[in-house]
Amino acid sequence: MCLDKARSWIETASSITALTGAGISAESGIPTFRGATGLWKQFRPEDLATPRAFARNPELVWQWYDWRRSLIHTAQPNAGHGALSELETRVPRFTLITQNVDGLHQRAGSRNVLEIHGSIWKLRCTKCRRQWHDMSVPLELPPHCQCGAFARPAVVWFGEGLPEDVWAAAGQASTECDVFLVVGTSAIVYPAAGLIDLARAAGAKVIEVNVERTAISAYADCALTGPAGEVLPELLRTPPSSASRLAPEIER
């Protein structure tokens, strides 16, 4: 059975890397960008998530991000986030690579998190490049750096490269793991989806958890269909042994 195999791989792994996408956050009520109700159905990316859009109308961009921050602020980590946090305590080496910018993994207790698309809770100065956390909801718009220049969200916009140090660490974690977990991602957004290929080429077992089949389902070593909040806790659960199941019969 696929679930049993996946459990055994996780139990014997000394290094596990997980890649998470918008699907796991959607279970906490945060809208995804794609799909029938995705954010890009209502807004054009080029109007709100590009350097050109920010240069043209920083207040509009910040109004949108401040709205998103308010949604995320009221959301809570779900059981999927919690299971990944627990998994980190069970494995000698665990790395969580996330495409999400919401910080829910950290709120659930995960520590070794690589945010390859940045964080919506970080701001970056457009002039001196200083970065800082700001959890204020709502923000005073548009926010400024202490040097007086405009601040922007410290997230990766369309047309921008991923942070080199974070991306290098993600690549290393993908090539050095025994098990590669893919959770709540469509696996079509590159370069993040390329991490799965790196892990497979290095010999890792690939386990997918998603509510529907995706581009990697056919070649994953185990593809588990269902919400992360249900599948991941079940994946970590140790099933009762045959002996324990027989014990009541023997006692009688």
C-alpha atoms as a PDB file:
ATOM      1  CA  MET A   1       0.000   0.000   0.000  1.00  0.00           C
ATOM      2  CA  CYS A   2       1.332   3.428  -0.942  1.00  0.00           C
ATOM      3  CA  LEU A   3       0.645   4.996   2.462  1.00  0.00           C
ATOM      4  CA  ASP A   4       2.457   2.203   4.295  1.00  0.00           C
ATOM      5  CA  LYS A   5       5.476   2.504   2.018  1.00  0.00           C
ATOM      6  CA  ALA A   6       5.579   6.244   2.503  1.00  0.00           C
ATOM      7  CA  ARG A   7       5.435   5.788   6.277  1.00  0.00           C
ATOM      8  CA  SER A   8       8.349   3.360   6.205  1.00  0.00           C
ATOM      9  CA  TRP A   9      10.450   5.711   4.066  1.00  0.00           C
ATOM     10  CA  ILE A  10       9.833   8.554   6.495  1.00  0.00           C
ATOM     11  CA  GLU A  11      10.520   6.416   9.557  1.00  0.00           C
ATOM     12  CA  THR A  12      13.906   5.274   8.231  1.00  0.00           C
ATOM     13  CA  ALA A  13      15.011   8.564   6.646  1.00  0.00           C
ATOM     14  CA  SER A  14      17.848  10.532   8.190  1.00  0.00           C
ATOM     15  CA  SER A  15      17.168  13.568   5.986  1.00  0.00           C
ATOM     16  CA  ILE A  16      13.815  14.851   4.719  1.00  0.00           C
ATOM     17  CA  THR A  17      13.059  17.898   2.615  1.00  0.00           C
ATOM     18  CA  ALA A  18       9.551  19.237   2.067  1.00  0.00           C
ATOM     19  CA  LEU A  19       8.341  21.615  -0.633  1.00  0.00           C
ATOM     20  CA  THR A  20       5.034  23.325   0.086  1.00  0.00           C
ATOM     21  CA  GLY A  21       2.770  25.470  -2.055  1.00  0.00           C
ATOM     22  CA  ALA A  22      -0.435  27.446  -1.851  1.00  0.00           C
ATOM     23  CA  GLY A  23      -2.603  24.361  -1.306  1.00  0.00           C
ATOM     24  CA  ILE A  24      -1.595  23.912   2.309  1.00  0.00           C
ATOM     25  CA  SER A  25      -2.349  27.571   3.062  1.00  0.00           C
ATOM     26  CA  ALA A  26      -5.697  27.333   1.268  1.00  0.00           C
ATOM     27  CA  GLU A  27      -6.760  24.870   3.968  1.00  0.00           C
ATOM     28  CA  SER A  28      -6.305  27.735   6.443  1.00  0.00           C
ATOM     29  CA  GLY A  29      -8.579  29.974   4.374  1.00  0.00           C
ATOM     30  CA  ILE A  30      -5.922  31.882   2.444  1.00  0.00           C
ATOM     31  CA  PRO A  31      -6.888  32.308  -1.238  1.00  0.00           C
ATOM     32  CA  THR A  32      -4.611  30.714  -3.808  1.00  0.00           C
ATOM     33  CA  PHE A  33      -3.450  32.540  -6.919  1.00  0.00           C
ATOM     34  CA  ARG A  34      -4.669  29.929  -9.366  1.00  0.00           C
ATOM     35  CA  GLY A  35      -7.836  27.902  -9.629  1.00  0.00           C
ATOM     36  CA  ALA A  36     -11.490  28.833  -9.903  1.00  0.00           C
ATOM     37  CA  THR A  37     -11.374  31.282  -6.993  1.00  0.00           C
ATOM     38  CA  GLY A  38      -7.734  32.316  -7.292  1.00  0.00           C
ATOM     39  CA  LEU A  39      -6.578  35.863  -6.658  1.00  0.00           C
ATOM     40  CA  TRP A  40      -5.433  36.278 -10.253  1.00  0.00           C
ATOM     41  CA  LYS A  41      -9.036  35.791 -11.364  1.00  0.00           C
ATOM     42  CA  GLN A  42      -9.755  39.184  -9.800  1.00  0.00           C
ATOM     43  CA  PHE A  43      -6.492  41.045 -10.354  1.00  0.00           C
ATOM     44  CA  ARG A  44      -3.899  41.168 -13.107  1.00  0.00           C
ATOM     45  CA  PRO A  45      -0.405  40.211 -11.882  1.00  0.00           C
ATOM     46  CA  GLU A  46       1.206  42.983 -13.918  1.00  0.00           C
ATOM     47  CA  ASP A  47      -0.928  45.564 -12.099  1.00  0.00           C
ATOM     48  CA  LEU A  48       0.014  44.489  -8.593  1.00  0.00           C
ATOM     49  CA  ALA A  49       3.034  42.181  -8.405  1.00  0.00           C
ATOM     50  CA  THR A  50       5.800  43.602 -10.582  1.00  0.00           C
ATOM     51  CA  PRO A  51       8.482  46.245 -10.021  1.00  0.00           C
ATOM     52  CA  ARG A  52       6.875  48.303 -12.804  1.00  0.00           C
ATOM     53  CA  ALA A  53       3.491  48.241 -11.060  1.00  0.00           C
ATOM     54  CA  PHE A  54       5.078  49.428  -7.818  1.00  0.00           C
ATOM     55  CA  ALA A  55       6.963  52.205  -9.555  1.00  0.00           C
ATOM     56  CA  ARG A  56       3.742  53.292 -11.263  1.00  0.00           C
ATOM     57  CA  ASN A  57       1.436  53.196  -8.239  1.00  0.00           C
ATOM     58  CA  PRO A  58       3.007  52.137  -4.932  1.00  0.00           C
ATOM     59  CA  GLU A  59      -0.105  53.024  -2.937  1.00  0.00           C
ATOM     60  CA  LEU A  60      -2.314  50.700  -5.006  1.00  0.00           C
ATOM     61  CA  VAL A  61       0.177  47.849  -4.658  1.00  0.00           C
ATOM     62  CA  TRP A  62       0.418  48.399  -0.925  1.00  0.00           C
ATOM     63  CA  GLN A  63      -3.357  48.528  -0.527  1.00  0.00           C
ATOM     64  CA  TRP A  64      -3.529  45.071  -2.097  1.00  0.00           C
ATOM     65  CA  TYR A  65      -0.729  43.681   0.053  1.00  0.00           C
ATOM     66  CA  ASP A  66      -2.200  45.244   3.180  1.00  0.00           C
ATOM     67  CA  TRP A  67      -5.510  43.514   2.360  1.00  0.00           C
ATOM     68  CA  ARG A  68      -3.690  40.195   1.944  1.00  0.00           C
ATOM     69  CA  ARG A  69      -1.817  40.738   5.222  1.00  0.00           C
ATOM     70  CA  SER A  70      -5.159  41.273   6.990  1.00  0.00           C
ATOM     71  CA  LEU A  71      -6.468  37.963   5.596  1.00  0.00           C
ATOM     72  CA  ILE A  72      -3.352  36.100   6.669  1.00  0.00           C
ATOM     73  CA  HIS A  73      -3.345  37.776  10.078  1.00  0.00           C
ATOM     74  CA  THR A  74      -6.668  36.160  10.962  1.00  0.00           C
ATOM     75  CA  ALA A  75      -5.746  32.743   9.535  1.00  0.00           C
ATOM     76  CA  GLN A  76      -4.414  29.932  11.702  1.00  0.00           C
ATOM     77  CA  PRO A  77      -1.968  27.121  10.872  1.00  0.00           C
ATOM     78  CA  ASN A  78      -3.814  23.893  10.133  1.00  0.00           C
ATOM     79  CA  ALA A  79      -3.057  20.274  10.964  1.00  0.00           C
ATOM     80  CA  GLY A  80      -0.859  19.997   7.859  1.00  0.00           C
ATOM     81  CA  HIS A  81       1.388  22.783   9.102  1.00  0.00           C
ATOM     82  CA  GLY A  82       1.443  21.122  12.500  1.00  0.00           C
ATOM     83  CA  ALA A  83       2.416  17.736  11.077  1.00  0.00           C
ATOM     84  CA  LEU A  84       5.384  19.216   9.215  1.00  0.00           C
ATOM     85  CA  SER A  85       6.486  20.950  12.400  1.00  0.00           C
ATOM     86  CA  GLU A  86       6.289  17.647  14.253  1.00  0.00           C
ATOM     87  CA  LEU A  87       8.200  15.868  11.487  1.00  0.00           C
ATOM     88  CA  GLU A  88      11.061  18.311  11.952  1.00  0.00           C
ATOM     89  CA  THR A  89      11.466  17.044  15.530  1.00  0.00           C
ATOM     90  CA  ARG A  90      11.611  13.416  14.414  1.00  0.00           C
ATOM     91  CA  VAL A  91      14.307  13.598  11.738  1.00  0.00           C
ATOM     92  CA  PRO A  92      18.009  14.388  12.211  1.00  0.00           C
ATOM     93  CA  ARG A  93      17.953  16.725   9.210  1.00  0.00           C
ATOM     94  CA  PHE A  94      14.790  18.420   8.013  1.00  0.00           C
ATOM     95  CA  THR A  95      14.378  21.351   5.629  1.00  0.00           C
ATOM     96  CA  LEU A  96      11.087  22.990   4.714  1.00  0.00           C
ATOM     97  CA  ILE A  97      11.125  24.870   1.419  1.00  0.00           C
ATOM     98  CA  THR A  98       8.007  26.946   0.911  1.00  0.00           C
ATOM     99  CA  GLN A  99       6.669  28.972  -1.978  1.00  0.00           C
ATOM    100  CA  ASN A 100       4.238  30.622   0.430  1.00  0.00           C
ATOM    101  CA  VAL A 101       4.849  34.070   1.874  1.00  0.00           C
ATOM    102  CA  ASP A 102       2.363  33.878   4.757  1.00  0.00           C
ATOM    103  CA  GLY A 103       4.596  32.660   7.606  1.00  0.00           C
ATOM    104  CA  LEU A 104       2.124  29.978   8.741  1.00  0.00           C
ATOM    105  CA  HIS A 105       4.834  27.312   8.872  1.00  0.00           C
ATOM    106  CA  GLN A 106       6.824  29.337  11.391  1.00  0.00           C
ATOM    107  CA  ARG A 107       3.681  30.033  13.412  1.00  0.00           C
ATOM    108  CA  ALA A 108       3.087  26.270  13.551  1.00  0.00           C
ATOM    109  CA  GLY A 109       6.552  25.764  15.010  1.00  0.00           C
ATOM    110  CA  SER A 110       8.722  24.953  11.981  1.00  0.00           C
ATOM    111  CA  ARG A 111      12.237  26.343  12.379  1.00  0.00           C
ATOM    112  CA  ASN A 112      14.339  25.398   9.364  1.00  0.00           C
ATOM    113  CA  VAL A 113      12.215  27.185   6.745  1.00  0.00           C
ATOM    114  CA  LEU A 114      13.458  28.474   3.392  1.00  0.00           C
ATOM    115  CA  GLU A 115      11.071  31.078   1.970  1.00  0.00           C
ATOM    116  CA  ILE A 116      12.058  31.094  -1.682  1.00  0.00           C
ATOM    117  CA  HIS A 117       9.445  33.723  -2.580  1.00  0.00           C
ATOM    118  CA  GLY A 118      10.103  35.905   0.452  1.00  0.00           C
ATOM    119  CA  SER A 119       7.743  36.928   3.239  1.00  0.00           C
ATOM    120  CA  ILE A 120       4.747  39.228   3.241  1.00  0.00           C
ATOM    121  CA  TRP A 121       5.705  40.176   6.813  1.00  0.00           C
ATOM    122  CA  LYS A 122       9.041  41.614   5.722  1.00  0.00           C
ATOM    123  CA  LEU A 123       9.592  45.029   4.168  1.00  0.00           C
ATOM    124  CA  ARG A 124      12.552  46.134   2.077  1.00  0.00           C
ATOM    125  CA  CYS A 125      13.766  49.649   1.401  1.00  0.00           C
ATOM    126  CA  THR A 126      13.788  50.585  -2.278  1.00  0.00           C
ATOM    127  CA  LYS A 127      16.897  52.708  -1.747  1.00  0.00           C
ATOM    128  CA  CYS A 128      19.218  51.365   0.965  1.00  0.00           C
ATOM    129  CA  ARG A 129      17.912  47.748   0.690  1.00  0.00           C
ATOM    130  CA  ARG A 130      17.471  47.370   4.451  1.00  0.00           C
ATOM    131  CA  GLN A 131      14.970  44.660   5.414  1.00  0.00           C
ATOM    132  CA  TRP A 132      12.860  44.378   8.543  1.00  0.00           C
ATOM    133  CA  HIS A 133       9.847  42.551   9.951  1.00  0.00           C
ATOM    134  CA  ASP A 134       6.615  44.449  10.459  1.00  0.00           C
ATOM    135  CA  MET A 135       3.582  42.537  11.699  1.00  0.00           C
ATOM    136  CA  SER A 136       1.346  45.622  11.885  1.00  0.00           C
ATOM    137  CA  VAL A 137      -2.200  45.182  10.592  1.00  0.00           C
ATOM    138  CA  PRO A 138      -3.141  47.501   9.068  1.00  0.00           C
ATOM    139  CA  LEU A 139       0.023  49.241   7.927  1.00  0.00           C
ATOM    140  CA  GLU A 140       0.405  52.984   7.618  1.00  0.00           C
ATOM    141  CA  LEU A 141       0.422  53.277   3.844  1.00  0.00           C
ATOM    142  CA  PRO A 142       2.658  53.548   2.022  1.00  0.00           C
ATOM    143  CA  PRO A 143       5.365  52.506   4.510  1.00  0.00           C
ATOM    144  CA  HIS A 144       8.751  54.184   4.481  1.00  0.00           C
ATOM    145  CA  CYS A 145      12.241  53.161   5.533  1.00  0.00           C
ATOM    146  CA  GLN A 146      14.071  55.070   8.258  1.00  0.00           C
ATOM    147  CA  CYS A 147      16.151  56.609   5.472  1.00  0.00           C
ATOM    148  CA  GLY A 148      12.977  58.190   4.109  1.00  0.00           C
ATOM    149  CA  ALA A 149      12.588  56.102   0.958  1.00  0.00           C
ATOM    150  CA  PHE A 150       9.575  53.973   0.053  1.00  0.00           C
ATOM    151  CA  ALA A 151       9.512  50.432   1.399  1.00  0.00           C
ATOM    152  CA  ARG A 152       8.182  47.553  -0.673  1.00  0.00           C
ATOM    153  CA  PRO A 153       7.044  44.038   0.266  1.00  0.00           C
ATOM    154  CA  ALA A 154      10.063  41.745   0.588  1.00  0.00           C
ATOM    155  CA  VAL A 155       8.535  39.195  -1.761  1.00  0.00           C
ATOM    156  CA  VAL A 156       9.620  37.959  -5.174  1.00  0.00           C
ATOM    157  CA  TRP A 157       7.597  39.653  -7.892  1.00  0.00           C
ATOM    158  CA  PHE A 158       7.105  38.535 -11.478  1.00  0.00           C
ATOM    159  CA  GLY A 159      10.257  39.202 -13.456  1.00  0.00           C
ATOM    160  CA  GLU A 160      12.518  39.070 -10.384  1.00  0.00           C
ATOM    161  CA  GLY A 161      15.030  36.377  -9.480  1.00  0.00           C
ATOM    162  CA  LEU A 162      14.834  34.242  -6.362  1.00  0.00           C
ATOM    163  CA  PRO A 163      17.165  35.161  -3.468  1.00  0.00           C
ATOM    164  CA  GLU A 164      20.446  33.466  -4.351  1.00  0.00           C
ATOM    165  CA  ASP A 165      21.405  32.300  -0.859  1.00  0.00           C
ATOM    166  CA  VAL A 166      17.973  30.832  -0.130  1.00  0.00           C
ATOM    167  CA  TRP A 167      17.797  29.160  -3.523  1.00  0.00           C
ATOM    168  CA  ALA A 168      21.263  27.630  -3.098  1.00  0.00           C
ATOM    169  CA  ALA A 169      20.256  26.214   0.280  1.00  0.00           C
ATOM    170  CA  ALA A 170      17.042  24.813  -1.240  1.00  0.00           C
ATOM    171  CA  GLY A 171      18.993  23.098  -4.000  1.00  0.00           C
ATOM    172  CA  GLN A 172      21.409  21.565  -1.527  1.00  0.00           C
ATOM    173  CA  ALA A 173      18.612  20.308   0.709  1.00  0.00           C
ATOM    174  CA  SER A 174      16.883  18.753  -2.321  1.00  0.00           C
ATOM    175  CA  THR A 175      19.954  16.843  -3.481  1.00  0.00           C
ATOM    176  CA  GLU A 176      20.951  15.585  -0.026  1.00  0.00           C
ATOM    177  CA  CYS A 177      17.646  14.191   1.291  1.00  0.00           C
ATOM    178  CA  ASP A 178      16.386  10.616   1.522  1.00  0.00           C
ATOM    179  CA  VAL A 179      12.728  11.645   1.182  1.00  0.00           C
ATOM    180  CA  PHE A 180      11.306  14.624  -0.691  1.00  0.00           C
ATOM    181  CA  LEU A 181       7.772  15.624   0.312  1.00  0.00           C
ATOM    182  CA  VAL A 182       5.727  17.694  -2.140  1.00  0.00           C
ATOM    183  CA  VAL A 183       2.712  19.244  -0.408  1.00  0.00           C
ATOM    184  CA  GLY A 184      -0.053  21.400  -1.839  1.00  0.00           C
ATOM    185  CA  THR A 185       1.672  22.562  -4.992  1.00  0.00           C
ATOM    186  CA  SER A 186       0.704  22.199  -8.633  1.00  0.00           C
ATOM    187  CA  ALA A 187       4.354  21.514  -9.507  1.00  0.00           C
ATOM    188  CA  ILE A 188       4.138  23.706 -12.603  1.00  0.00           C
ATOM    189  CA  VAL A 189       5.836  26.857 -11.303  1.00  0.00           C
ATOM    190  CA  TYR A 190       9.536  26.948 -12.092  1.00  0.00           C
ATOM    191  CA  PRO A 191      12.188  27.109 -10.886  1.00  0.00           C
ATOM    192  CA  ALA A 192      10.632  25.734  -7.668  1.00  0.00           C
ATOM    193  CA  ALA A 193       9.223  22.656  -9.439  1.00  0.00           C
ATOM    194  CA  GLY A 194      12.746  21.834 -10.625  1.00  0.00           C
ATOM    195  CA  LEU A 195      13.692  20.946  -7.044  1.00  0.00           C
ATOM    196  CA  ILE A 196      11.620  17.785  -7.407  1.00  0.00           C
ATOM    197  CA  ASP A 197      13.726  16.726 -10.376  1.00  0.00           C
ATOM    198  CA  LEU A 198      16.901  17.413  -8.392  1.00  0.00           C
ATOM    199  CA  ALA A 199      15.698  15.202  -5.552  1.00  0.00           C
ATOM    200  CA  ARG A 200      14.667  12.367  -7.873  1.00  0.00           C
ATOM    201  CA  ALA A 201      17.978  12.484  -9.728  1.00  0.00           C
ATOM    202  CA  ALA A 202      19.810  12.223  -6.394  1.00  0.00           C
ATOM    203  CA  GLY A 203      17.835   9.096  -5.465  1.00  0.00           C
ATOM    204  CA  ALA A 204      15.295  10.491  -2.993  1.00  0.00           C
ATOM    205  CA  LYS A 205      11.872   8.952  -2.606  1.00  0.00           C
ATOM    206  CA  VAL A 206       9.284  11.496  -3.756  1.00  0.00           C
ATOM    207  CA  ILE A 207       5.995  11.582  -1.831  1.00  0.00           C
ATOM    208  CA  GLU A 208       3.245  13.863  -3.106  1.00  0.00           C
ATOM    209  CA  VAL A 209       0.319  15.104  -1.008  1.00  0.00           C
ATOM    210  CA  ASN A 210      -2.340  17.074  -2.866  1.00  0.00           C
ATOM    211  CA  VAL A 211      -6.099  17.351  -3.150  1.00  0.00           C
ATOM    212  CA  GLU A 212      -5.899  16.374  -6.831  1.00  0.00           C
ATOM    213  CA  ARG A 213      -3.478  14.788  -9.260  1.00  0.00           C
ATOM    214  CA  THR A 214      -0.778  17.054 -10.645  1.00  0.00           C
ATOM    215  CA  ALA A 215       2.038  16.995 -13.163  1.00  0.00           C
ATOM    216  CA  ILE A 216       4.225  14.933 -10.826  1.00  0.00           C
ATOM    217  CA  SER A 217       1.636  12.383  -9.678  1.00  0.00           C
ATOM    218  CA  ALA A 218       2.542   9.920 -12.404  1.00  0.00           C
ATOM    219  CA  TYR A 219       6.216   9.730 -11.486  1.00  0.00           C
ATOM    220  CA  ALA A 220       6.141  10.312  -7.731  1.00  0.00           C
ATOM    221  CA  ASP A 221       7.086   7.201  -5.760  1.00  0.00           C
ATOM    222  CA  CYS A 222       3.882   7.703  -3.773  1.00  0.00           C
ATOM    223  CA  ALA A 223       1.026  10.099  -4.618  1.00  0.00           C
ATOM    224  CA  LEU A 224      -1.462  10.585  -1.767  1.00  0.00           C
ATOM    225  CA  THR A 225      -4.684  12.399  -2.642  1.00  0.00           C
ATOM    226  CA  GLY A 226      -6.424  14.483  -0.022  1.00  0.00           C
ATOM    227  CA  PRO A 227      -6.088  17.630   2.093  1.00  0.00           C
ATOM    228  CA  ALA A 228      -2.688  18.085   3.723  1.00  0.00           C
ATOM    229  CA  GLY A 229      -4.423  18.607   7.053  1.00  0.00           C
ATOM    230  CA  GLU A 230      -5.752  15.059   6.863  1.00  0.00           C
ATOM    231  CA  VAL A 231      -3.072  13.180   4.929  1.00  0.00           C
ATOM    232  CA  LEU A 232       0.066  14.455   6.674  1.00  0.00           C
ATOM    233  CA  PRO A 233      -1.061  13.599  10.237  1.00  0.00           C
ATOM    234  CA  GLU A 234      -2.064  10.152   8.966  1.00  0.00           C
ATOM    235  CA  LEU A 235       1.307   9.788   7.248  1.00  0.00           C
ATOM    236  CA  LEU A 236       3.076  10.467  10.532  1.00  0.00           C
ATOM    237  CA  ARG A 237       0.829   8.199  12.573  1.00  0.00           C
ATOM    238  CA  THR A 238       2.375   4.900  13.566  1.00  0.00           C
ATOM    239  CA  PRO A 239      -0.215   2.198  12.870  1.00  0.00           C
ATOM    240  CA  PRO A 240      -0.776  -0.425  15.561  1.00  0.00           C
ATOM    241  CA  SER A 241       1.350  -3.502  15.038  1.00  0.00           C
ATOM    242  CA  SER A 242      -0.162  -6.859  14.203  1.00  0.00           C
ATOM    243  CA  ALA A 243       0.717  -8.054  17.691  1.00  0.00           C
ATOM    244  CA  SER A 244      -1.167  -5.229  19.389  1.00  0.00           C
ATOM    245  CA  ARG A 245      -4.193  -5.852  17.211  1.00  0.00           C
ATOM    246  CA  LEU A 246      -4.189  -9.521  18.195  1.00  0.00           C
ATOM    247  CA  ALA A 247      -3.598  -8.907  21.896  1.00  0.00           C
ATOM    248  CA  PRO A 248      -7.278  -8.437  22.872  1.00  0.00           C
ATOM    249  CA  GLU A 249      -8.149 -11.701  21.105  1.00  0.00           C
ATOM    250  CA  ILE A 250      -5.381 -13.543  22.975  1.00  0.00           C
ATOM    251  CA  GLU A 251      -6.480 -12.140  26.338  1.00  0.00           C
ATOM    252  CA  ARG A 252      -9.998 -13.328  25.770  1.00  0.00           C
END
